[in-house]
C-alpha atoms as a PDB file:
ATOM      1  CA  THR A   1     -29.988  92.753  61.348  1.00  0.00           C
ATOM      2  CA  ARG A   2     -26.415  93.900  60.546  1.00  0.00           C
ATOM      3  CA  GLU A   3     -23.296  94.376  62.570  1.00  0.00           C
ATOM      4  CA  TYR A   4     -19.817  95.119  61.901  1.00  0.00           C
ATOM      5  CA  PHE A   5     -16.776  94.143  64.423  1.00  0.00           C
ATOM      6  CA  ASP A   6     -13.428  94.598  64.914  1.00  0.00           C
ATOM      7  CA  TYR A   7     -11.966  91.201  63.432  1.00  0.00           C
ATOM      8  CA  ASN A   8      -9.210  90.570  66.451  1.00  0.00           C
ATOM      9  CA  THR A   9     -12.058  91.198  69.212  1.00  0.00           C
ATOM     10  CA  TYR A  10     -14.454  89.266  67.227  1.00  0.00           C
ATOM     11  CA  TYR A  11     -12.458  86.138  66.816  1.00  0.00           C
ATOM     12  CA  LYS A  12     -11.048  85.674  70.310  1.00  0.00           C
ATOM     13  CA  ASN A  13     -14.334  86.218  71.651  1.00  0.00           C
ATOM     14  CA  TYR A  14     -15.991  83.789  69.202  1.00  0.00           C
ATOM     15  CA  PHE A  15     -13.751  80.908  70.038  1.00  0.00           C
ATOM     16  CA  THR A  16     -13.386  81.415  73.493  1.00  0.00           C
ATOM     17  CA  ASP A  17     -16.904  81.897  74.285  1.00  0.00           C
ATOM     18  CA  CYS A  18     -18.910  80.352  71.267  1.00  0.00           C
ATOM     19  CA  PHE A  19     -17.158  78.094  69.281  1.00  0.00           C
ATOM     20  CA  TRP A  20     -18.085  75.114  71.442  1.00  0.00           C
ATOM     21  CA  PHE A  21     -21.322  75.934  72.225  1.00  0.00           C
ATOM     22  CA  TYR A  22     -23.187  73.542  70.130  1.00  0.00           C
ATOM     23  CA  ARG A  23     -20.858  70.683  70.405  1.00  0.00           C
ATOM     24  CA  ASN A  24     -21.330  70.880  74.166  1.00  0.00           C
ATOM     25  CA  TYR A  25     -25.022  71.134  74.020  1.00  0.00           C
ATOM     26  CA  SER A  26     -24.793  73.770  76.816  1.00  0.00           C
ATOM     27  CA  ASN A  27     -28.108  75.269  78.142  1.00  0.00           C
ATOM     28  CA  THR A  28     -26.528  78.765  78.445  1.00  0.00           C
ATOM     29  CA  ASN A  29     -26.516  81.295  75.204  1.00  0.00           C
ATOM     30  CA  CYS A  30     -23.404  82.045  73.487  1.00  0.00           C
ATOM     31  CA  ASN A  31     -22.247  85.356  74.851  1.00  0.00           C
ATOM     32  CA  LYS A  32     -20.250  86.755  72.037  1.00  0.00           C
ATOM     33  CA  ILE A  33     -22.453  89.760  71.598  1.00  0.00           C
ATOM     34  CA  TRP A  34     -22.506  90.570  75.176  1.00  0.00           C
ATOM     35  CA  ASN A  35     -18.636  90.557  75.269  1.00  0.00           C
ATOM     36  CA  ILE A  36     -17.877  93.016  72.215  1.00  0.00           C
ATOM     37  CA  ASP A  37     -19.508  96.014  70.595  1.00  0.00           C
ATOM     38  CA  SER A  38     -20.250  96.721  67.054  1.00  0.00           C
ATOM     39  CA  ILE A  39     -18.208  99.132  65.471  1.00  0.00           C
ATOM     40  CA  ASN A  40     -18.934 101.806  62.834  1.00  0.00           C
ATOM     41  CA  SER A  41     -15.182 102.639  61.782  1.00  0.00           C
ATOM     42  CA  ALA A  42     -12.069 100.887  61.289  1.00  0.00           C
ATOM     43  CA  ASN A  43      -8.568 102.315  60.385  1.00  0.00           C
ATOM     44  CA  LEU A  44      -7.104 101.577  56.969  1.00  0.00           C
ATOM     45  CA  TRP A  45      -5.958  97.963  56.063  1.00  0.00           C
ATOM     46  CA  ASP A  46      -7.883  96.566  59.193  1.00  0.00           C
ATOM     47  CA  PHE A  47      -9.906  93.186  58.807  1.00  0.00           C
ATOM     48  CA  ILE A  48     -13.783  93.821  59.811  1.00  0.00           C
ATOM     49  CA  VAL A  49     -16.139  90.845  60.486  1.00  0.00           C
ATOM     50  CA  TRP A  50     -19.469  91.804  58.606  1.00  0.00           C
ATOM     51  CA  GLU A  51     -22.439  89.795  60.292  1.00  0.00           C
ATOM     52  CA  ILE A  52     -25.839  89.962  59.168  1.00  0.00           C
ATOM     53  CA  THR A  53     -28.886  87.966  61.205  1.00  0.00           C
ATOM     54  CA  ILE A  54     -31.737  86.646  59.261  1.00  0.00           C
ATOM     55  CA  THR A  55     -34.967  85.898  61.720  1.00  0.00           C
ATOM     56  CA  THR A  56     -37.835  84.273  59.974  1.00  0.00           C
ATOM     57  CA  PRO A  57     -40.834  83.364  62.080  1.00  0.00           C
ATOM     58  CA  VAL A  58     -42.250  80.831  59.775  1.00  0.00           C
ATOM     59  CA  ASN A  59     -40.529  78.288  57.433  1.00  0.00           C
ATOM     60  CA  ARG A  60     -39.574  80.296  54.171  1.00  0.00           C
ATOM     61  CA  LYS A  61     -38.578  79.070  50.458  1.00  0.00           C
ATOM     62  CA  ASN A  62     -36.673  80.573  48.043  1.00  0.00           C
ATOM     63  CA  ILE A  63     -35.548  83.265  50.203  1.00  0.00           C
ATOM     64  CA  GLU A  64     -32.499  85.836  49.001  1.00  0.00           C
ATOM     65  CA  ILE A  65     -30.399  88.305  50.632  1.00  0.00           C
ATOM     66  CA  ASN A  66     -28.422  91.146  49.186  1.00  0.00           C
ATOM     67  CA  ASP A  67     -26.245  92.323  51.749  1.00  0.00           C
ATOM     68  CA  PHE A  68     -24.055  95.479  50.395  1.00  0.00           C
ATOM     69  CA  ILE A  69     -20.624  96.142  51.535  1.00  0.00           C
ATOM     70  CA  PRO A  70     -18.711  99.797  52.002  1.00  0.00           C
ATOM     71  CA  ALA A  71     -17.121 101.029  48.602  1.00  0.00           C
ATOM     72  CA  TRP A  72     -13.244 100.418  48.811  1.00  0.00           C
ATOM     73  CA  THR A  73     -13.534  97.321  51.107  1.00  0.00           C
ATOM     74  CA  GLN A  74     -12.679  93.927  49.649  1.00  0.00           C
ATOM     75  CA  ILE A  75     -14.304  90.673  50.659  1.00  0.00           C
ATOM     76  CA  VAL A  76     -11.515  88.187  52.163  1.00  0.00           C
ATOM     77  CA  ASN A  77     -12.150  85.215  49.613  1.00  0.00           C
ATOM     78  CA  THR A  78     -12.090  81.868  51.614  1.00  0.00           C
ATOM     79  CA  ASN A  79     -11.839  79.589  48.583  1.00  0.00           C
ATOM     80  CA  PHE A  80      -7.982  80.695  47.914  1.00  0.00           C
ATOM     81  CA  ASP A  81      -5.465  78.087  49.708  1.00  0.00           C
ATOM     82  CA  THR A  82      -3.843  81.158  51.192  1.00  0.00           C
ATOM     83  CA  THR A  83      -6.749  82.472  53.245  1.00  0.00           C
ATOM     84  CA  SER A  84      -5.969  81.498  57.179  1.00  0.00           C
ATOM     85  CA  SER A  85      -7.914  78.921  58.891  1.00  0.00           C
ATOM     86  CA  GLU A  86      -9.028  81.358  61.262  1.00  0.00           C
ATOM     87  CA  VAL A  87     -10.849  83.166  58.739  1.00  0.00           C
ATOM     88  CA  LYS A  88     -12.235  80.254  57.361  1.00  0.00           C
ATOM     89  CA  ALA A  89     -13.563  79.103  60.606  1.00  0.00           C
ATOM     90  CA  LEU A  90     -15.917  82.297  60.871  1.00  0.00           C
ATOM     91  CA  TRP A  91     -17.762  81.630  57.651  1.00  0.00           C
ATOM     92  CA  ASN A  92     -20.786  79.691  58.223  1.00  0.00           C
ATOM     93  CA  THR A  93     -22.403  78.688  54.998  1.00  0.00           C
ATOM     94  CA  TYR A  94     -24.179  75.183  55.637  1.00  0.00           C
ATOM     95  CA  TYR A  95     -27.811  76.819  55.957  1.00  0.00           C
ATOM     96  CA  PHE A  96     -27.351  78.640  52.393  1.00  0.00           C
ATOM     97  CA  ASP A  97     -27.510  76.988  49.086  1.00  0.00           C
ATOM     98  CA  ARG A  98     -25.701  79.858  47.105  1.00  0.00           C
ATOM     99  CA  ILE A  99     -23.286  82.363  48.187  1.00  0.00           C
ATOM    100  CA  GLU A 100     -21.905  84.816  45.727  1.00  0.00           C
ATOM    101  CA  GLN A 101     -19.560  87.335  46.200  1.00  0.00           C
ATOM    102  CA  LYS A 102     -19.674  90.260  44.109  1.00  0.00           C
ATOM    103  CA  HIS A 103     -17.748  93.626  44.071  1.00  0.00           C
ATOM    104  CA  ASP A 104     -20.416  95.587  45.984  1.00  0.00           C
ATOM    105  CA  ARG A 105     -22.402  93.038  47.785  1.00  0.00           C
ATOM    106  CA  VAL A 106     -22.658  89.207  49.161  1.00  0.00           C
ATOM    107  CA  TYR A 107     -25.472  87.408  47.356  1.00  0.00           C
ATOM    108  CA  ILE A 108     -27.235  84.743  49.671  1.00  0.00           C
ATOM    109  CA  TYR A 109     -29.870  82.301  48.317  1.00  0.00           C
ATOM    110  CA  SER A 110     -31.525  79.433  50.157  1.00  0.00           C
ATOM    111  CA  SER A 111     -34.210  77.186  48.934  1.00  0.00           C
ATOM    112  CA  ASN A 112     -35.416  76.414  52.461  1.00  0.00           C
ATOM    113  CA  LEU A 113     -35.116  78.025  55.887  1.00  0.00           C
ATOM    114  CA  TRP A 114     -37.023  76.770  58.871  1.00  0.00           C
ATOM    115  CA  ALA A 115     -38.389  79.075  61.510  1.00  0.00           C
ATOM    116  CA  TRP A 116     -35.438  80.243  63.271  1.00  0.00           C
ATOM    117  CA  THR A 117     -32.660  82.882  63.409  1.00  0.00           C
ATOM    118  CA  TYR A 118     -29.635  82.416  61.236  1.00  0.00           C
ATOM    119  CA  THR A 119     -26.279  84.226  61.278  1.00  0.00           C
ATOM    120  CA  TYR A 120     -24.298  84.526  58.117  1.00  0.00           C
ATOM    121  CA  ARG A 121     -20.659  86.565  58.768  1.00  0.00           C
ATOM    122  CA  TYR A 122     -17.716  87.177  56.555  1.00  0.00           C
ATOM    123  CA  VAL A 123     -14.582  89.429  56.691  1.00  0.00           C
ATOM    124  CA  LEU A 124     -13.574  92.552  55.004  1.00  0.00           C
ATOM    125  CA  LYS A 125     -10.581  94.295  54.554  1.00  0.00           C
ATOM    126  CA  ALA A 126     -10.450  98.064  54.492  1.00  0.00           C
ATOM    127  CA  THR A 127      -8.400  99.637  51.510  1.00  0.00           C
ATOM    128  CA  ASN A 128      -9.044 103.195  51.372  1.00  0.00           C
ATOM    129  CA  LYS A 129      -9.919 106.148  53.822  1.00  0.00           C
ATOM    130  CA  TRP A 130     -13.255 107.745  53.640  1.00  0.00           C
ATOM    131  CA  ASN A 131     -16.869 107.963  55.047  1.00  0.00           C
ATOM    132  CA  TYR A 132     -18.908 105.423  53.077  1.00  0.00           C
ATOM    133  CA  TRP A 133     -22.672 105.427  52.964  1.00  0.00           C
ATOM    134  CA  VAL A 134     -23.608 101.675  53.173  1.00  0.00           C
ATOM    135  CA  LYS A 135     -26.861 100.768  51.353  1.00  0.00           C
ATOM    136  CA  SER A 136     -29.293  98.482  53.362  1.00  0.00           C
ATOM    137  CA  ALA A 137     -29.185  94.699  53.331  1.00  0.00           C
ATOM    138  CA  THR A 138     -32.305  93.532  51.806  1.00  0.00           C
ATOM    139  CA  SER A 139     -34.110  89.905  51.946  1.00  0.00           C
ATOM    140  CA  ASN A 140     -36.990  88.815  49.919  1.00  0.00           C
ATOM    141  CA  LEU A 141     -39.015  85.894  48.554  1.00  0.00           C
ATOM    142  CA  ILE A 142     -38.445  85.050  45.104  1.00  0.00           C
ATOM    143  CA  ASP A 143     -42.007  83.630  44.572  1.00  0.00           C
ATOM    144  CA  THR A 144     -43.681  86.440  47.005  1.00  0.00           C
ATOM    145  CA  PRO A 145     -42.071  89.681  46.549  1.00  0.00           C
ATOM    146  CA  GLU A 146     -44.183  91.335  48.966  1.00  0.00           C
ATOM    147  CA  VAL A 147     -42.925  89.363  51.726  1.00  0.00           C
ATOM    148  CA  TRP A 148     -39.306  91.293  52.526  1.00  0.00           C
ATOM    149  CA  GLY A 149     -37.276  92.822  55.007  1.00  0.00           C
ATOM    150  CA  ARG A 150     -34.333  95.238  55.107  1.00  0.00           C
ATOM    151  CA  THR A 151     -31.602  96.716  57.558  1.00  0.00           C
ATOM    152  CA  LYS A 152     -31.079 100.304  58.329  1.00  0.00           C
ATOM    153  CA  TRP A 153     -28.425 102.101  55.869  1.00  0.00           C
ATOM    154  CA  MET A 154     -25.239 103.549  57.823  1.00  0.00           C
ATOM    155  CA  ILE A 155     -22.342 105.362  57.318  1.00  0.00           C
ATOM    156  CA  PHE A 156     -19.148 103.620  57.905  1.00  0.00           C
ATOM    157  CA  GLU A 157     -15.638 105.390  58.284  1.00  0.00           C
ATOM    158  CA  ILE A 158     -12.328 103.993  57.372  1.00  0.00           C
ATOM    159  CA  LYS A 159      -9.565 106.216  59.007  1.00  0.00           C
END
């Protein structure tokens, strides 16, 4: 699945309700998704949290994911020292071996994923007004191309 969230709302709810979840070993589920709704539009120059969730019912090896982004948006690069610590804290790269930020997509690769649900998130900046058609995110096993998955496509509006 793929969802999009307003950065300010997401950040506030993520750190209020979810950040200490795993550290405290709570028996309750993280309720980030219950507190905020996904969006399909944003204002010019807004920051957007792009979140993709991968669920695999069995252990998988050599999985690749291509997550396409709307035209005229930019991925906020966390490798720069000038990127805020708040944006860097939202990125979770520990399950994945390789992540490439390209101009039209994010490419994610993992040599081994256990049967589980994984969430990868990153931040985009809306840089041009328009209605954009966003291609489906796709995933497949490199060694077994008949095992694959994809999200639905959508229209994303920048006002």
